[in-house]
């Protein structure tokens, strides 16, 4: 792989990380919190952990 290919893969992964972890997972967690149906707390905690992991991953990848 050339460095250009690695950089393109990094940008693709970074974009998916931001879209999923910063926008889609919070929408899903908010939907679970405000829905009238009973939802397991483990699922909400898992979503929050995914959000935190996404933010930390983005911060660490900017440092490099």
PDB file of N, CA and C in Angstrom:
ATOM      1  N   UNK A   1       0.838  -1.180   0.000  1.00  0.00           N
ATOM      2  CA  UNK A   1       0.000   0.000   0.000  1.00  0.00           C
ATOM      3  C   UNK A   1       0.881   1.240   0.000  1.00  0.00           C
ATOM      4  N   UNK A   2       0.472   2.180  -0.777  1.00  0.00           N
ATOM      5  CA  UNK A   2       1.205   3.434  -0.816  1.00  0.00           C
ATOM      6  C   UNK A   2       0.716   4.333   0.314  1.00  0.00           C
ATOM      7  N   UNK A   3       1.519   5.321   0.675  1.00  0.00           N
ATOM      8  CA  UNK A   3       1.073   6.247   1.726  1.00  0.00           C
ATOM      9  C   UNK A   3      -0.227   6.974   1.369  1.00  0.00           C
ATOM     10  N   UNK A   4      -0.442   7.181   0.063  1.00  0.00           N
ATOM     11  CA  UNK A   4      -1.687   7.834  -0.354  1.00  0.00           C
ATOM     12  C   UNK A   4      -2.891   6.946  -0.042  1.00  0.00           C
ATOM     13  N   UNK A   5      -2.748   5.632  -0.253  1.00  0.00           N
ATOM     14  CA  UNK A   5      -3.836   4.698   0.047  1.00  0.00           C
ATOM     15  C   UNK A   5      -4.113   4.642   1.543  1.00  0.00           C
ATOM     16  N   UNK A   6      -3.061   4.656   2.338  1.00  0.00           N
ATOM     17  CA  UNK A   6      -3.225   4.609   3.790  1.00  0.00           C
ATOM     18  C   UNK A   6      -3.922   5.875   4.280  1.00  0.00           C
ATOM     19  N   UNK A   7      -3.554   7.017   3.724  1.00  0.00           N
ATOM     20  CA  UNK A   7      -4.197   8.277   4.119  1.00  0.00           C
ATOM     21  C   UNK A   7      -5.677   8.268   3.731  1.00  0.00           C
ATOM     22  N   UNK A   8      -5.999   7.718   2.557  1.00  0.00           N
ATOM     23  CA  UNK A   8      -7.400   7.640   2.135  1.00  0.00           C
ATOM     24  C   UNK A   8      -8.200   6.722   3.050  1.00  0.00           C
ATOM     25  N   UNK A   9      -7.619   5.604   3.450  1.00  0.00           N
ATOM     26  CA  UNK A   9      -8.291   4.710   4.384  1.00  0.00           C
ATOM     27  C   UNK A   9      -8.475   5.357   5.752  1.00  0.00           C
ATOM     28  N   UNK A  10      -7.473   6.118   6.183  1.00  0.00           N
ATOM     29  CA  UNK A  10      -7.584   6.823   7.459  1.00  0.00           C
ATOM     30  C   UNK A  10      -8.732   7.830   7.416  1.00  0.00           C
ATOM     31  N   UNK A  11      -8.842   8.586   6.321  1.00  0.00           N
ATOM     32  CA  UNK A  11      -9.931   9.562   6.200  1.00  0.00           C
ATOM     33  C   UNK A  11     -11.297   8.873   6.155  1.00  0.00           C
ATOM     34  N   UNK A  12     -11.360   7.723   5.500  1.00  0.00           N
ATOM     35  CA  UNK A  12     -12.623   6.988   5.445  1.00  0.00           C
ATOM     36  C   UNK A  12     -13.017   6.489   6.839  1.00  0.00           C
ATOM     37  N   UNK A  13     -12.069   5.928   7.565  1.00  0.00           N
ATOM     38  CA  UNK A  13     -12.345   5.445   8.916  1.00  0.00           C
ATOM     39  C   UNK A  13     -12.714   6.593   9.846  1.00  0.00           C
ATOM     40  N   UNK A  14     -12.001   7.690   9.729  1.00  0.00           N
ATOM     41  CA  UNK A  14     -12.263   8.864  10.568  1.00  0.00           C
ATOM     42  C   UNK A  14     -13.662   9.415  10.289  1.00  0.00           C
ATOM     43  N   UNK A  15     -14.050   9.448   9.012  1.00  0.00           N
ATOM     44  CA  UNK A  15     -15.382   9.942   8.645  1.00  0.00           C
ATOM     45  C   UNK A  15     -16.476   9.038   9.198  1.00  0.00           C
ATOM     46  N   UNK A  16     -16.303   7.734   9.065  1.00  0.00           N
ATOM     47  CA  UNK A  16     -17.295   6.803   9.608  1.00  0.00           C
ATOM     48  C   UNK A  16     -17.374   6.895  11.132  1.00  0.00           C
ATOM     49  N   UNK A  17     -16.232   7.115  11.760  1.00  0.00           N
ATOM     50  CA  UNK A  17     -16.204   7.250  13.215  1.00  0.00           C
ATOM     51  C   UNK A  17     -16.974   8.487  13.650  1.00  0.00           C
ATOM     52  N   UNK A  18     -16.791   9.593  12.960  1.00  0.00           N
ATOM     53  CA  UNK A  18     -17.491  10.823  13.333  1.00  0.00           C
ATOM     54  C   UNK A  18     -18.982  10.704  13.049  1.00  0.00           C
ATOM     55  N   UNK A  19     -19.339  10.192  11.875  1.00  0.00           N
ATOM     56  CA  UNK A  19     -20.761  10.076  11.529  1.00  0.00           C
ATOM     57  C   UNK A  19     -21.479   9.141  12.494  1.00  0.00           C
ATOM     58  N   UNK A  20     -20.891   7.999  12.762  1.00  0.00           N
ATOM     59  CA  UNK A  20     -21.555   7.025  13.627  1.00  0.00           C
ATOM     60  C   UNK A  20     -21.525   7.387  15.095  1.00  0.00           C
ATOM     61  N   UNK A  21     -20.345   7.750  15.582  1.00  0.00           N
ATOM     62  CA  UNK A  21     -20.192   7.970  17.016  1.00  0.00           C
ATOM     63  C   UNK A  21     -20.654   9.314  17.510  1.00  0.00           C
ATOM     64  N   UNK A  22     -20.657  10.327  16.636  1.00  0.00           N
ATOM     65  CA  UNK A  22     -21.019  11.672  17.089  1.00  0.00           C
ATOM     66  C   UNK A  22     -22.427  12.066  16.696  1.00  0.00           C
ATOM     67  N   UNK A  23     -23.018  11.368  15.715  1.00  0.00           N
ATOM     68  CA  UNK A  23     -24.358  11.740  15.276  1.00  0.00           C
ATOM     69  C   UNK A  23     -25.372  10.608  15.402  1.00  0.00           C
ATOM     70  N   UNK A  24     -25.056   9.445  14.881  1.00  0.00           N
ATOM     71  CA  UNK A  24     -26.060   8.382  14.821  1.00  0.00           C
ATOM     72  C   UNK A  24     -26.284   7.695  16.167  1.00  0.00           C
ATOM     73  N   UNK A  25     -25.223   7.390  16.891  1.00  0.00           N
ATOM     74  CA  UNK A  25     -25.383   6.742  18.202  1.00  0.00           C
ATOM     75  C   UNK A  25     -26.100   7.662  19.194  1.00  0.00           C
ATOM     76  N   UNK A  26     -25.774   8.974  19.265  1.00  0.00           N
ATOM     77  CA  UNK A  26     -26.551   9.835  20.171  1.00  0.00           C
ATOM     78  C   UNK A  26     -28.042   9.908  19.813  1.00  0.00           C
ATOM     79  N   UNK A  27     -28.353   9.911  18.511  1.00  0.00           N
ATOM     80  CA  UNK A  27     -29.768   9.905  18.112  1.00  0.00           C
ATOM     81  C   UNK A  27     -30.436   8.624  18.593  1.00  0.00           C
ATOM     82  N   UNK A  28     -29.740   7.520  18.472  1.00  0.00           N
ATOM     83  CA  UNK A  28     -30.286   6.239  18.918  1.00  0.00           C
ATOM     84  C   UNK A  28     -30.489   6.226  20.435  1.00  0.00           C
ATOM     85  N   UNK A  29     -29.530   6.737  21.181  1.00  0.00           N
ATOM     86  CA  UNK A  29     -29.652   6.759  22.650  1.00  0.00           C
ATOM     87  C   UNK A  29     -30.780   7.686  23.079  1.00  0.00           C
ATOM     88  N   UNK A  30     -30.900   8.854  22.444  1.00  0.00           N
ATOM     89  CA  UNK A  30     -31.988   9.777  22.778  1.00  0.00           C
ATOM     90  C   UNK A  30     -33.343   9.145  22.450  1.00  0.00           C
ATOM     91  N   UNK A  31     -33.403   8.420  21.334  1.00  0.00           N
ATOM     92  CA  UNK A  31     -34.641   7.724  20.982  1.00  0.00           C
ATOM     93  C   UNK A  31     -34.995   6.687  22.040  1.00  0.00           C
ATOM     94  N   UNK A  32     -34.010   5.944  22.515  1.00  0.00           N
ATOM     95  CA  UNK A  32     -34.265   4.960  23.564  1.00  0.00           C
ATOM     96  C   UNK A  32     -34.716   5.630  24.864  1.00  0.00           C
ATOM     97  N   UNK A  33     -34.116   6.761  25.195  1.00  0.00           N
ATOM     98  CA  UNK A  33     -34.460   7.432  26.446  1.00  0.00           C
ATOM     99  C   UNK A  33     -35.879   7.988  26.430  1.00  0.00           C
ATOM    100  N   UNK A  34     -36.313   8.511  25.292  1.00  0.00           N
ATOM    101  CA  UNK A  34     -37.623   9.163  25.232  1.00  0.00           C
ATOM    102  C   UNK A  34     -38.732   8.277  24.679  1.00  0.00           C
ATOM    103  N   UNK A  35     -38.427   7.019  24.379  1.00  0.00           N
ATOM    104  CA  UNK A  35     -39.484   6.139  23.888  1.00  0.00           C
ATOM    105  C   UNK A  35     -40.328   5.657  25.065  1.00  0.00           C
ATOM    106  N   UNK A  36     -41.574   5.360  24.777  1.00  0.00           N
ATOM    107  CA  UNK A  36     -42.478   4.908  25.829  1.00  0.00           C
ATOM    108  C   UNK A  36     -42.269   3.442  26.170  1.00  0.00           C
ATOM    109  N   UNK A  37     -41.661   2.700  25.269  1.00  0.00           N
ATOM    110  CA  UNK A  37     -41.404   1.283  25.519  1.00  0.00           C
ATOM    111  C   UNK A  37     -40.254   1.133  26.521  1.00  0.00           C
ATOM    112  N   UNK A  38     -40.313   0.091  27.288  1.00  0.00           N
ATOM    113  CA  UNK A  38     -39.239  -0.184  28.240  1.00  0.00           C
ATOM    114  C   UNK A  38     -37.987  -0.603  27.482  1.00  0.00           C
ATOM    115  N   UNK A  39     -36.863  -0.027  27.873  1.00  0.00           N
ATOM    116  CA  UNK A  39     -35.593  -0.356  27.233  1.00  0.00           C
ATOM    117  C   UNK A  39     -34.597  -0.734  28.328  1.00  0.00           C
ATOM    118  N   UNK A  40     -33.804  -1.728  28.050  1.00  0.00           N
ATOM    119  CA  UNK A  40     -32.834  -2.200  29.029  1.00  0.00           C
ATOM    120  C   UNK A  40     -31.754  -1.133  29.242  1.00  0.00           C
ATOM    121  N   UNK A  41     -31.383  -0.915  30.471  1.00  0.00           N
ATOM    122  CA  UNK A  41     -30.368   0.094  30.791  1.00  0.00           C
ATOM    123  C   UNK A  41     -29.003  -0.278  30.220  1.00  0.00           C
ATOM    124  N   UNK A  42     -28.771  -1.554  30.031  1.00  0.00           N
ATOM    125  CA  UNK A  42     -27.499  -1.991  29.459  1.00  0.00           C
ATOM    126  C   UNK A  42     -27.331  -1.462  28.042  1.00  0.00           C
ATOM    127  N   UNK A  43     -28.396  -1.430  27.284  1.00  0.00           N
ATOM    128  CA  UNK A  43     -28.347  -0.923  25.917  1.00  0.00           C
ATOM    129  C   UNK A  43     -28.035   0.568  25.892  1.00  0.00           C
ATOM    130  N   UNK A  44     -28.614   1.325  26.788  1.00  0.00           N
ATOM    131  CA  UNK A  44     -28.338   2.757  26.875  1.00  0.00           C
ATOM    132  C   UNK A  44     -26.897   2.986  27.319  1.00  0.00           C
ATOM    133  N   UNK A  45     -26.434   2.235  28.303  1.00  0.00           N
ATOM    134  CA  UNK A  45     -25.051   2.363  28.755  1.00  0.00           C
ATOM    135  C   UNK A  45     -24.067   2.001  27.645  1.00  0.00           C
ATOM    136  N   UNK A  46     -24.393   0.986  26.862  1.00  0.00           N
ATOM    137  CA  UNK A  46     -23.542   0.596  25.738  1.00  0.00           C
ATOM    138  C   UNK A  46     -23.448   1.719  24.713  1.00  0.00           C
ATOM    139  N   UNK A  47     -24.566   2.381  24.440  1.00  0.00           N
ATOM    140  CA  UNK A  47     -24.549   3.519  23.514  1.00  0.00           C
ATOM    141  C   UNK A  47     -23.707   4.669  24.033  1.00  0.00           C
ATOM    142  N   UNK A  48     -23.789   4.939  25.311  1.00  0.00           N
ATOM    143  CA  UNK A  48     -22.984   6.018  25.906  1.00  0.00           C
ATOM    144  C   UNK A  48     -21.500   5.670  25.840  1.00  0.00           C
ATOM    145  N   UNK A  49     -21.164   4.421  26.108  1.00  0.00           N
ATOM    146  CA  UNK A  49     -19.771   3.987  26.014  1.00  0.00           C
ATOM    147  C   UNK A  49     -19.264   4.104  24.582  1.00  0.00           C
ATOM    148  N   UNK A  50     -20.100   3.756  23.598  1.00  0.00           N
ATOM    149  CA  UNK A  50     -19.703   3.911  22.201  1.00  0.00           C
ATOM    150  C   UNK A  50     -19.451   5.377  21.848  1.00  0.00           C
ATOM    151  N   UNK A  51     -20.286   6.273  22.380  1.00  0.00           N
ATOM    152  CA  UNK A  51     -20.068   7.703  22.129  1.00  0.00           C
ATOM    153  C   UNK A  51     -18.749   8.170  22.732  1.00  0.00           C
ATOM    154  N   UNK A  52     -18.486   7.780  23.963  1.00  0.00           N
ATOM    155  CA  UNK A  52     -17.242   8.183  24.616  1.00  0.00           C
ATOM    156  C   UNK A  52     -16.019   7.607  23.900  1.00  0.00           C
ATOM    157  N   UNK A  53     -16.125   6.363  23.478  1.00  0.00           N
ATOM    158  CA  UNK A  53     -15.026   5.740  22.748  1.00  0.00           C
ATOM    159  C   UNK A  53     -14.765   6.455  21.433  1.00  0.00           C
ATOM    160  N   UNK A  54     -15.813   6.880  20.769  1.00  0.00           N
ATOM    161  CA  UNK A  54     -15.666   7.593  19.508  1.00  0.00           C
ATOM    162  C   UNK A  54     -14.974   8.937  19.710  1.00  0.00           C
ATOM    163  N   UNK A  55     -15.358   9.663  20.741  1.00  0.00           N
ATOM    164  CA  UNK A  55     -14.730  10.962  21.016  1.00  0.00           C
ATOM    165  C   UNK A  55     -13.261  10.780  21.368  1.00  0.00           C
ATOM    166  N   UNK A  56     -12.957   9.809  22.213  1.00  0.00           N
ATOM    167  CA  UNK A  56     -11.570   9.564  22.601  1.00  0.00           C
ATOM    168  C   UNK A  56     -10.739   9.118  21.409  1.00  0.00           C
ATOM    169  N   UNK A  57     -11.303   8.277  20.567  1.00  0.00           N
ATOM    170  CA  UNK A  57     -10.604   7.824  19.369  1.00  0.00           C
ATOM    171  C   UNK A  57     -10.309   8.990  18.437  1.00  0.00           C
ATOM    172  N   UNK A  58     -11.254   9.894  18.274  1.00  0.00           N
ATOM    173  CA  UNK A  58     -11.018  11.068  17.422  1.00  0.00           C
ATOM    174  C   UNK A  58      -9.928  11.962  18.009  1.00  0.00           C
ATOM    175  N   UNK A  59      -9.955  12.149  19.311  1.00  0.00           N
ATOM    176  CA  UNK A  59      -8.922  12.978  19.940  1.00  0.00           C
ATOM    177  C   UNK A  59      -7.538  12.348  19.810  1.00  0.00           C
ATOM    178  N   UNK A  60      -7.460  11.056  19.972  1.00  0.00           N
ATOM    179  CA  UNK A  60      -6.164  10.383  19.857  1.00  0.00           C
ATOM    180  C   UNK A  60      -5.648  10.353  18.423  1.00  0.00           C
ATOM    181  N   UNK A  61      -6.539  10.255  17.454  1.00  0.00           N
ATOM    182  CA  UNK A  61      -6.076  10.214  16.071  1.00  0.00           C
ATOM    183  C   UNK A  61      -5.647  11.587  15.585  1.00  0.00           C
ATOM    184  N   UNK A  62      -6.125  12.651  16.193  1.00  0.00           N
ATOM    185  CA  UNK A  62      -5.683  14.000  15.826  1.00  0.00           C
ATOM    186  C   UNK A  62      -4.281  14.246  16.379  1.00  0.00           C
ATOM    187  N   UNK A  63      -3.967  13.669  17.514  1.00  0.00           N
ATOM    188  CA  UNK A  63      -2.652  13.877  18.144  1.00  0.00           C
ATOM    189  C   UNK A  63      -1.553  13.296  17.280  1.00  0.00           C
ATOM    190  N   UNK A  64      -1.794  12.178  16.625  1.00  0.00           N
ATOM    191  CA  UNK A  64      -0.754  11.532  15.843  1.00  0.00           C
ATOM    192  C   UNK A  64      -0.434  12.381  14.714  1.00  0.00           C
TER     193      UNK A  64
END
